[in-house]
PDB file of N, CA and C in Angstrom:
ATOM      1  N   MET A   1      -7.456  96.623  -4.624  1.00  0.00           N
ATOM      2  CA  MET A   1      -7.945  95.660  -5.594  1.00  0.00           C
ATOM      3  C   MET A   1      -6.811  94.687  -5.924  1.00  0.00           C
ATOM      4  N   SER A   2      -7.095  93.414  -5.830  1.00  0.00           N
ATOM      5  CA  SER A   2      -6.117  92.415  -6.253  1.00  0.00           C
ATOM      6  C   SER A   2      -6.294  92.196  -7.751  1.00  0.00           C
ATOM      7  N   ARG A   3      -5.192  92.114  -8.447  1.00  0.00           N
ATOM      8  CA  ARG A   3      -5.262  91.902  -9.894  1.00  0.00           C
ATOM      9  C   ARG A   3      -4.449  90.678 -10.256  1.00  0.00           C
ATOM     10  N   VAL A   4      -4.821  90.068 -11.382  1.00  0.00           N
ATOM     11  CA  VAL A   4      -4.086  88.928 -11.910  1.00  0.00           C
ATOM     12  C   VAL A   4      -3.690  89.214 -13.347  1.00  0.00           C
ATOM     13  N   ILE A   5      -2.615  88.551 -13.757  1.00  0.00           N
ATOM     14  CA  ILE A   5      -2.150  88.627 -15.136  1.00  0.00           C
ATOM     15  C   ILE A   5      -2.425  87.266 -15.756  1.00  0.00           C
ATOM     16  N   ILE A   6      -3.189  87.271 -16.837  1.00  0.00           N
ATOM     17  CA  ILE A   6      -3.529  86.032 -17.540  1.00  0.00           C
ATOM     18  C   ILE A   6      -2.854  86.069 -18.899  1.00  0.00           C
ATOM     19  N   THR A   7      -2.075  85.031 -19.197  1.00  0.00           N
ATOM     20  CA  THR A   7      -1.431  84.938 -20.504  1.00  0.00           C
ATOM     21  C   THR A   7      -1.953  83.705 -21.224  1.00  0.00           C
ATOM     22  N   VAL A   8      -2.130  83.854 -22.535  1.00  0.00           N
ATOM     23  CA  VAL A   8      -2.611  82.769 -23.385  1.00  0.00           C
ATOM     24  C   VAL A   8      -1.688  82.701 -24.595  1.00  0.00           C
ATOM     25  N   VAL A   9      -1.094  81.535 -24.812  1.00  0.00           N
ATOM     26  CA  VAL A   9      -0.139  81.373 -25.912  1.00  0.00           C
ATOM     27  C   VAL A   9      -0.403  80.040 -26.609  1.00  0.00           C
ATOM     28  N   GLY A  10      -0.358  80.045 -27.936  1.00  0.00           N
ATOM     29  CA  GLY A  10      -0.497  78.795 -28.676  1.00  0.00           C
ATOM     30  C   GLY A  10      -0.800  79.044 -30.138  1.00  0.00           C
ATOM     31  N   LYS A  11      -1.064  77.955 -30.850  1.00  0.00           N
ATOM     32  CA  LYS A  11      -1.439  78.070 -32.259  1.00  0.00           C
ATOM     33  C   LYS A  11      -2.806  78.724 -32.352  1.00  0.00           C
ATOM     34  N   ASP A  12      -2.961  79.614 -33.310  1.00  0.00           N
ATOM     35  CA  ASP A  12      -4.211  80.338 -33.464  1.00  0.00           C
ATOM     36  C   ASP A  12      -5.315  79.415 -33.979  1.00  0.00           C
ATOM     37  N   THR A  13      -6.460  79.482 -33.318  1.00  0.00           N
ATOM     38  CA  THR A  13      -7.666  78.783 -33.775  1.00  0.00           C
ATOM     39  C   THR A  13      -8.862  79.676 -33.491  1.00  0.00           C
ATOM     40  N   VAL A  14      -9.965  79.371 -34.112  1.00  0.00           N
ATOM     41  CA  VAL A  14     -11.190  80.144 -33.925  1.00  0.00           C
ATOM     42  C   VAL A  14     -11.706  79.960 -32.500  1.00  0.00           C
ATOM     43  N   GLY A  15     -12.055  81.046 -31.838  1.00  0.00           N
ATOM     44  CA  GLY A  15     -12.764  80.989 -30.570  1.00  0.00           C
ATOM     45  C   GLY A  15     -11.934  81.079 -29.304  1.00  0.00           C
ATOM     46  N   ILE A  16     -10.618  81.259 -29.417  1.00  0.00           N
ATOM     47  CA  ILE A  16      -9.789  81.319 -28.202  1.00  0.00           C
ATOM     48  C   ILE A  16     -10.246  82.456 -27.295  1.00  0.00           C
ATOM     49  N   ILE A  17     -10.338  83.648 -27.830  1.00  0.00           N
ATOM     50  CA  ILE A  17     -10.723  84.808 -27.020  1.00  0.00           C
ATOM     51  C   ILE A  17     -12.124  84.606 -26.448  1.00  0.00           C
ATOM     52  N   ALA A  18     -13.037  84.130 -27.260  1.00  0.00           N
ATOM     53  CA  ALA A  18     -14.411  83.920 -26.802  1.00  0.00           C
ATOM     54  C   ALA A  18     -14.471  82.939 -25.641  1.00  0.00           C
ATOM     55  N   LYS A  19     -13.750  81.847 -25.729  1.00  0.00           N
ATOM     56  CA  LYS A  19     -13.808  80.836 -24.669  1.00  0.00           C
ATOM     57  C   LYS A  19     -13.178  81.339 -23.373  1.00  0.00           C
ATOM     58  N   VAL A  20     -12.054  82.022 -23.472  1.00  0.00           N
ATOM     59  CA  VAL A  20     -11.400  82.547 -22.275  1.00  0.00           C
ATOM     60  C   VAL A  20     -12.269  83.634 -21.641  1.00  0.00           C
ATOM     61  N   CYS A  21     -12.783  84.540 -22.451  1.00  0.00           N
ATOM     62  CA  CYS A  21     -13.607  85.632 -21.915  1.00  0.00           C
ATOM     63  C   CYS A  21     -14.926  85.112 -21.346  1.00  0.00           C
ATOM     64  N   THR A  22     -15.499  84.102 -21.954  1.00  0.00           N
ATOM     65  CA  THR A  22     -16.727  83.497 -21.429  1.00  0.00           C
ATOM     66  C   THR A  22     -16.471  82.889 -20.059  1.00  0.00           C
ATOM     67  N   TYR A  23     -15.362  82.154 -19.923  1.00  0.00           N
ATOM     68  CA  TYR A  23     -15.019  81.578 -18.622  1.00  0.00           C
ATOM     69  C   TYR A  23     -14.883  82.690 -17.568  1.00  0.00           C
ATOM     70  N   LEU A  24     -14.161  83.753 -17.913  1.00  0.00           N
ATOM     71  CA  LEU A  24     -13.957  84.843 -16.959  1.00  0.00           C
ATOM     72  C   LEU A  24     -15.281  85.500 -16.583  1.00  0.00           C
ATOM     73  N   ALA A  25     -16.142  85.754 -17.551  1.00  0.00           N
ATOM     74  CA  ALA A  25     -17.440  86.381 -17.275  1.00  0.00           C
ATOM     75  C   ALA A  25     -18.302  85.489 -16.382  1.00  0.00           C
ATOM     76  N   GLU A  26     -18.314  84.196 -16.672  1.00  0.00           N
ATOM     77  CA  GLU A  26     -19.118  83.265 -15.867  1.00  0.00           C
ATOM     78  C   GLU A  26     -18.635  83.196 -14.418  1.00  0.00           C
ATOM     79  N   ASN A  27     -17.352  83.507 -14.200  1.00  0.00           N
ATOM     80  CA  ASN A  27     -16.776  83.460 -12.861  1.00  0.00           C
ATOM     81  C   ASN A  27     -16.577  84.843 -12.252  1.00  0.00           C
ATOM     82  N   LYS A  28     -17.224  85.848 -12.856  1.00  0.00           N
ATOM     83  CA  LYS A  28     -17.231  87.226 -12.341  1.00  0.00           C
ATOM     84  C   LYS A  28     -15.834  87.818 -12.186  1.00  0.00           C
ATOM     85  N   VAL A  29     -14.978  87.512 -13.159  1.00  0.00           N
ATOM     86  CA  VAL A  29     -13.637  88.096 -13.212  1.00  0.00           C
ATOM     87  C   VAL A  29     -13.692  89.222 -14.247  1.00  0.00           C
ATOM     88  N   ASN A  30     -13.406  90.441 -13.827  1.00  0.00           N
ATOM     89  CA  ASN A  30     -13.497  91.609 -14.696  1.00  0.00           C
ATOM     90  C   ASN A  30     -12.187  91.827 -15.444  1.00  0.00           C
ATOM     91  N   ILE A  31     -12.262  91.933 -16.761  1.00  0.00           N
ATOM     92  CA  ILE A  31     -11.082  92.219 -17.570  1.00  0.00           C
ATOM     93  C   ILE A  31     -10.851  93.724 -17.551  1.00  0.00           C
ATOM     94  N   LEU A  32      -9.676  94.140 -17.073  1.00  0.00           N
ATOM     95  CA  LEU A  32      -9.332  95.558 -16.981  1.00  0.00           C
ATOM     96  C   LEU A  32      -8.575  96.043 -18.206  1.00  0.00           C
ATOM     97  N   ASP A  33      -7.757  95.162 -18.784  1.00  0.00           N
ATOM     98  CA  ASP A  33      -6.968  95.509 -19.965  1.00  0.00           C
ATOM     99  C   ASP A  33      -6.668  94.229 -20.713  1.00  0.00           C
ATOM    100  N   ILE A  34      -6.600  94.325 -22.027  1.00  0.00           N
ATOM    101  CA  ILE A  34      -6.353  93.141 -22.841  1.00  0.00           C
ATOM    102  C   ILE A  34      -5.567  93.533 -24.088  1.00  0.00           C
ATOM    103  N   SER A  35      -4.624  92.691 -24.444  1.00  0.00           N
ATOM    104  CA  SER A  35      -3.855  92.878 -25.665  1.00  0.00           C
ATOM    105  C   SER A  35      -3.651  91.510 -26.293  1.00  0.00           C
ATOM    106  N   GLN A  36      -3.866  91.431 -27.587  1.00  0.00           N
ATOM    107  CA  GLN A  36      -3.635  90.160 -28.261  1.00  0.00           C
ATOM    108  C   GLN A  36      -3.002  90.421 -29.617  1.00  0.00           C
ATOM    109  N   THR A  37      -2.216  89.461 -30.038  1.00  0.00           N
ATOM    110  CA  THR A  37      -1.581  89.558 -31.345  1.00  0.00           C
ATOM    111  C   THR A  37      -1.428  88.165 -31.931  1.00  0.00           C
ATOM    112  N   ILE A  38      -1.351  88.123 -33.236  1.00  0.00           N
ATOM    113  CA  ILE A  38      -1.080  86.876 -33.937  1.00  0.00           C
ATOM    114  C   ILE A  38       0.149  87.126 -34.799  1.00  0.00           C
ATOM    115  N   ILE A  39       1.166  86.316 -34.593  1.00  0.00           N
ATOM    116  CA  ILE A  39       2.387  86.387 -35.397  1.00  0.00           C
ATOM    117  C   ILE A  39       2.457  85.093 -36.178  1.00  0.00           C
ATOM    118  N   GLN A  40       2.320  85.229 -37.497  1.00  0.00           N
ATOM    119  CA  GLN A  40       2.155  84.081 -38.383  1.00  0.00           C
ATOM    120  C   GLN A  40       0.993  83.255 -37.855  1.00  0.00           C
ATOM    121  N   GLU A  41       1.176  82.035 -37.438  1.00  0.00           N
ATOM    122  CA  GLU A  41       0.038  81.248 -36.950  1.00  0.00           C
ATOM    123  C   GLU A  41      -0.004  81.142 -35.425  1.00  0.00           C
ATOM    124  N   PHE A  42       0.797  81.956 -34.734  1.00  0.00           N
ATOM    125  CA  PHE A  42       0.883  81.868 -33.279  1.00  0.00           C
ATOM    126  C   PHE A  42       0.112  82.995 -32.602  1.00  0.00           C
ATOM    127  N   PHE A  43      -0.726  82.604 -31.651  1.00  0.00           N
ATOM    128  CA  PHE A  43      -1.603  83.514 -30.919  1.00  0.00           C
ATOM    129  C   PHE A  43      -0.972  83.841 -29.567  1.00  0.00           C
ATOM    130  N   ASN A  44      -1.020  85.113 -29.180  1.00  0.00           N
ATOM    131  CA  ASN A  44      -0.496  85.550 -27.885  1.00  0.00           C
ATOM    132  C   ASN A  44      -1.454  86.601 -27.319  1.00  0.00           C
ATOM    133  N   MET A  45      -1.895  86.383 -26.070  1.00  0.00           N
ATOM    134  CA  MET A  45      -2.786  87.347 -25.436  1.00  0.00           C
ATOM    135  C   MET A  45      -2.357  87.531 -23.983  1.00  0.00           C
ATOM    136  N   ILE A  46      -2.435  88.759 -23.524  1.00  0.00           N
ATOM    137  CA  ILE A  46      -2.180  89.053 -22.114  1.00  0.00           C
ATOM    138  C   ILE A  46      -3.328  89.918 -21.615  1.00  0.00           C
ATOM    139  N   MET A  47      -3.798  89.592 -20.417  1.00  0.00           N
ATOM    140  CA  MET A  47      -4.906  90.327 -19.811  1.00  0.00           C
ATOM    141  C   MET A  47      -4.525  90.735 -18.395  1.00  0.00           C
ATOM    142  N   VAL A  48      -4.995  91.890 -17.990  1.00  0.00           N
ATOM    143  CA  VAL A  48      -4.963  92.284 -16.592  1.00  0.00           C
ATOM    144  C   VAL A  48      -6.418  92.191 -16.145  1.00  0.00           C
ATOM    145  N   ALA A  49      -6.661  91.443 -15.064  1.00  0.00           N
ATOM    146  CA  ALA A  49      -8.035  91.204 -14.643  1.00  0.00           C
ATOM    147  C   ALA A  49      -8.183  91.362 -13.132  1.00  0.00           C
ATOM    148  N   ASP A  50      -9.417  91.648 -12.729  1.00  0.00           N
ATOM    149  CA  ASP A  50      -9.756  91.801 -11.313  1.00  0.00           C
ATOM    150  C   ASP A  50     -10.659  90.631 -10.907  1.00  0.00           C
ATOM    151  N   PRO A  51     -10.127  89.693 -10.113  1.00  0.00           N
ATOM    152  CA  PRO A  51     -10.921  88.531  -9.713  1.00  0.00           C
ATOM    153  C   PRO A  51     -11.706  88.730  -8.416  1.00  0.00           C
ATOM    154  N   SER A  52     -11.744  89.945  -7.877  1.00  0.00           N
ATOM    155  CA  SER A  52     -12.342  90.163  -6.563  1.00  0.00           C
ATOM    156  C   SER A  52     -13.841  89.853  -6.526  1.00  0.00           C
ATOM    157  N   GLY A  53     -14.519  89.846  -7.665  1.00  0.00           N
ATOM    158  CA  GLY A  53     -15.940  89.516  -7.703  1.00  0.00           C
ATOM    159  C   GLY A  53     -16.227  88.026  -7.741  1.00  0.00           C
ATOM    160  N   SER A  54     -15.186  87.226  -7.940  1.00  0.00           N
ATOM    161  CA  SER A  54     -15.365  85.779  -8.061  1.00  0.00           C
ATOM    162  C   SER A  54     -15.446  85.113  -6.695  1.00  0.00           C
ATOM    163  N   ASP A  55     -16.226  84.055  -6.632  1.00  0.00           N
ATOM    164  CA  ASP A  55     -16.317  83.251  -5.416  1.00  0.00           C
ATOM    165  C   ASP A  55     -15.173  82.246  -5.330  1.00  0.00           C
ATOM    166  N   LYS A  56     -14.409  82.104  -6.412  1.00  0.00           N
ATOM    167  CA  LYS A  56     -13.339  81.105  -6.453  1.00  0.00           C
ATOM    168  C   LYS A  56     -12.021  81.699  -5.973  1.00  0.00           C
ATOM    169  N   SER A  57     -11.189  80.834  -5.407  1.00  0.00           N
ATOM    170  CA  SER A  57      -9.852  81.256  -4.979  1.00  0.00           C
ATOM    171  C   SER A  57      -8.961  81.435  -6.204  1.00  0.00           C
ATOM    172  N   HIS A  58      -7.830  82.091  -5.986  1.00  0.00           N
ATOM    173  CA  HIS A  58      -6.867  82.244  -7.078  1.00  0.00           C
ATOM    174  C   HIS A  58      -6.441  80.878  -7.610  1.00  0.00           C
ATOM    175  N   ALA A  59      -6.173  79.937  -6.714  1.00  0.00           N
ATOM    176  CA  ALA A  59      -5.733  78.597  -7.132  1.00  0.00           C
ATOM    177  C   ALA A  59      -6.791  77.914  -7.996  1.00  0.00           C
ATOM    178  N   GLU A  60      -8.053  78.039  -7.626  1.00  0.00           N
ATOM    179  CA  GLU A  60      -9.125  77.427  -8.430  1.00  0.00           C
ATOM    180  C   GLU A  60      -9.197  78.059  -9.815  1.00  0.00           C
ATOM    181  N   LEU A  61      -9.151  79.392  -9.871  1.00  0.00           N
ATOM    182  CA  LEU A  61      -9.191  80.072 -11.173  1.00  0.00           C
ATOM    183  C   LEU A  61      -8.005  79.663 -12.033  1.00  0.00           C
ATOM    184  N   ALA A  62      -6.810  79.654 -11.443  1.00  0.00           N
ATOM    185  CA  ALA A  62      -5.602  79.300 -12.197  1.00  0.00           C
ATOM    186  C   ALA A  62      -5.685  77.870 -12.716  1.00  0.00           C
ATOM    187  N   ASP A  63      -6.138  76.935 -11.875  1.00  0.00           N
ATOM    188  CA  ASP A  63      -6.245  75.529 -12.299  1.00  0.00           C
ATOM    189  C   ASP A  63      -7.291  75.350 -13.389  1.00  0.00           C
ATOM    190  N   GLU A  64      -8.420  76.010 -13.248  1.00  0.00           N
ATOM    191  CA  GLU A  64      -9.478  75.883 -14.252  1.00  0.00           C
ATOM    192  C   GLU A  64      -9.081  76.534 -15.577  1.00  0.00           C
ATOM    193  N   LEU A  65      -8.377  77.663 -15.516  1.00  0.00           N
ATOM    194  CA  LEU A  65      -7.892  78.283 -16.752  1.00  0.00           C
ATOM    195  C   LEU A  65      -6.856  77.405 -17.430  1.00  0.00           C
ATOM    196  N   LYS A  66      -5.979  76.781 -16.648  1.00  0.00           N
ATOM    197  CA  LYS A  66      -4.996  75.860 -17.213  1.00  0.00           C
ATOM    198  C   LYS A  66      -5.703  74.704 -17.918  1.00  0.00           C
ATOM    199  N   ALA A  67      -6.717  74.147 -17.272  1.00  0.00           N
ATOM    200  CA  ALA A  67      -7.483  73.040 -17.862  1.00  0.00           C
ATOM    201  C   ALA A  67      -8.210  73.499 -19.133  1.00  0.00           C
ATOM    202  N   LEU A  68      -8.771  74.703 -19.114  1.00  0.00           N
ATOM    203  CA  LEU A  68      -9.424  75.239 -20.307  1.00  0.00           C
ATOM    204  C   LEU A  68      -8.412  75.349 -21.449  1.00  0.00           C
ATOM    205  N   GLY A  69      -7.219  75.832 -21.136  1.00  0.00           N
ATOM    206  CA  GLY A  69      -6.175  75.933 -22.152  1.00  0.00           C
ATOM    207  C   GLY A  69      -5.853  74.581 -22.770  1.00  0.00           C
ATOM    208  N   GLU A  70      -5.729  73.558 -21.937  1.00  0.00           N
ATOM    209  CA  GLU A  70      -5.454  72.215 -22.449  1.00  0.00           C
ATOM    210  C   GLU A  70      -6.581  71.745 -23.358  1.00  0.00           C
ATOM    211  N   GLU A  71      -7.800  72.063 -22.978  1.00  0.00           N
ATOM    212  CA  GLU A  71      -8.980  71.677 -23.764  1.00  0.00           C
ATOM    213  C   GLU A  71      -8.991  72.334 -25.145  1.00  0.00           C
ATOM    214  N   ILE A  72      -8.553  73.599 -25.227  1.00  0.00           N
ATOM    215  CA  ILE A  72      -8.622  74.324 -26.503  1.00  0.00           C
ATOM    216  C   ILE A  72      -7.271  74.396 -27.217  1.00  0.00           C
ATOM    217  N   GLY A  73      -6.250  73.756 -26.646  1.00  0.00           N
ATOM    218  CA  GLY A  73      -4.968  73.645 -27.341  1.00  0.00           C
ATOM    219  C   GLY A  73      -4.022  74.817 -27.185  1.00  0.00           C
ATOM    220  N   VAL A  74      -4.138  75.549 -26.077  1.00  0.00           N
ATOM    221  CA  VAL A  74      -3.219  76.657 -25.797  1.00  0.00           C
ATOM    222  C   VAL A  74      -2.725  76.523 -24.360  1.00  0.00           C
ATOM    223  N   THR A  75      -1.733  77.319 -24.016  1.00  0.00           N
ATOM    224  CA  THR A  75      -1.243  77.360 -22.644  1.00  0.00           C
ATOM    225  C   THR A  75      -1.784  78.632 -21.983  1.00  0.00           C
ATOM    226  N   ILE A  76      -2.484  78.458 -20.866  1.00  0.00           N
ATOM    227  CA  ILE A  76      -3.025  79.602 -20.135  1.00  0.00           C
ATOM    228  C   ILE A  76      -2.400  79.636 -18.746  1.00  0.00           C
ATOM    229  N   SER A  77      -1.876  80.802 -18.397  1.00  0.00           N
ATOM    230  CA  SER A  77      -1.278  81.012 -17.086  1.00  0.00           C
ATOM    231  C   SER A  77      -2.004  82.159 -16.402  1.00  0.00           C
ATOM    232  N   CYS A  78      -2.262  82.007 -15.110  1.00  0.00           N
ATOM    233  CA  CYS A  78      -2.905  83.056 -14.322  1.00  0.00           C
ATOM    234  C   CYS A  78      -2.055  83.280 -13.079  1.00  0.00           C
ATOM    235  N   GLN A  79      -1.446  84.468 -12.995  1.00  0.00           N
ATOM    236  CA  GLN A  79      -0.565  84.782 -11.870  1.00  0.00           C
ATOM    237  C   GLN A  79      -1.040  86.038 -11.157  1.00  0.00           C
ATOM    238  N   LYS A  80      -0.843  86.061  -9.854  1.00  0.00           N
ATOM    239  CA  LYS A  80      -1.111  87.290  -9.118  1.00  0.00           C
ATOM    240  C   LYS A  80      -0.169  88.365  -9.636  1.00  0.00           C
ATOM    241  N   GLU A  81      -0.647  89.589  -9.687  1.00  0.00           N
ATOM    242  CA  GLU A  81       0.127  90.693 -10.258  1.00  0.00           C
ATOM    243  C   GLU A  81       1.491  90.847  -9.597  1.00  0.00           C
ATOM    244  N   GLU A  82       1.560  90.742  -8.274  1.00  0.00           N
ATOM    245  CA  GLU A  82       2.839  90.947  -7.585  1.00  0.00           C
ATOM    246  C   GLU A  82       3.847  89.848  -7.930  1.00  0.00           C
ATOM    247  N   ILE A  83       3.386  88.638  -8.153  1.00  0.00           N
ATOM    248  CA  ILE A  83       4.278  87.538  -8.546  1.00  0.00           C
ATOM    249  C   ILE A  83       4.770  87.774  -9.971  1.00  0.00           C
ATOM    250  N   PHE A  84       3.851  88.152 -10.859  1.00  0.00           N
ATOM    251  CA  PHE A  84       4.216  88.429 -12.250  1.00  0.00           C
ATOM    252  C   PHE A  84       5.267  89.533 -12.312  1.00  0.00           C
ATOM    253  N   GLU A  85       5.057  90.615 -11.558  1.00  0.00           N
ATOM    254  CA  GLU A  85       6.004  91.729 -11.559  1.00  0.00           C
ATOM    255  C   GLU A  85       7.361  91.302 -11.019  1.00  0.00           C
ATOM    256  N   SER A  86       7.362  90.508  -9.963  1.00  0.00           N
ATOM    257  CA  SER A  86       8.630  90.032  -9.389  1.00  0.00           C
ATOM    258  C   SER A  86       9.402  89.162 -10.375  1.00  0.00           C
ATOM    259  N   MET A  87       8.691  88.343 -11.121  1.00  0.00           N
ATOM    260  CA  MET A  87       9.343  87.442 -12.078  1.00  0.00           C
ATOM    261  C   MET A  87       9.915  88.205 -13.271  1.00  0.00           C
ATOM    262  N   HIS A  88       9.364  89.357 -13.587  1.00  0.00           N
ATOM    263  CA  HIS A  88       9.781  90.097 -14.772  1.00  0.00           C
ATOM    264  C   HIS A  88      10.573  91.361 -14.470  1.00  0.00           C
ATOM    265  N   ARG A  89      11.042  91.464 -13.239  1.00  0.00           N
ATOM    266  CA  ARG A  89      11.859  92.603 -12.842  1.00  0.00           C
ATOM    267  C   ARG A  89      13.306  92.304 -13.222  1.00  0.00           C
ATOM    268  N   ILE A  90      13.984  93.298 -13.759  1.00  0.00           N
ATOM    269  CA  ILE A  90      15.378  93.099 -14.171  1.00  0.00           C
ATOM    270  C   ILE A  90      16.299  93.487 -13.040  1.00  0.00           C
TER     271      ILE A  90
END
């Protein structure tokens, strides 16, 4: 199973989780794990997801999530799990 790591960071507003999860559901991306927190007015969420059910390529999903983030005022990143792990290895 190929997995992706999706991060969402920005000022907290109503509907961030709903909009991101709706996009993922509409594109048949299964959320395997999710964690979110709000520190003062800042929202932070990380998801582990399985995009294998989607008809879209990783690049399409990543670009569309980035555009969704711009639309709702947050930064959304979607990385393949192996790239994410390589970037965060000490």
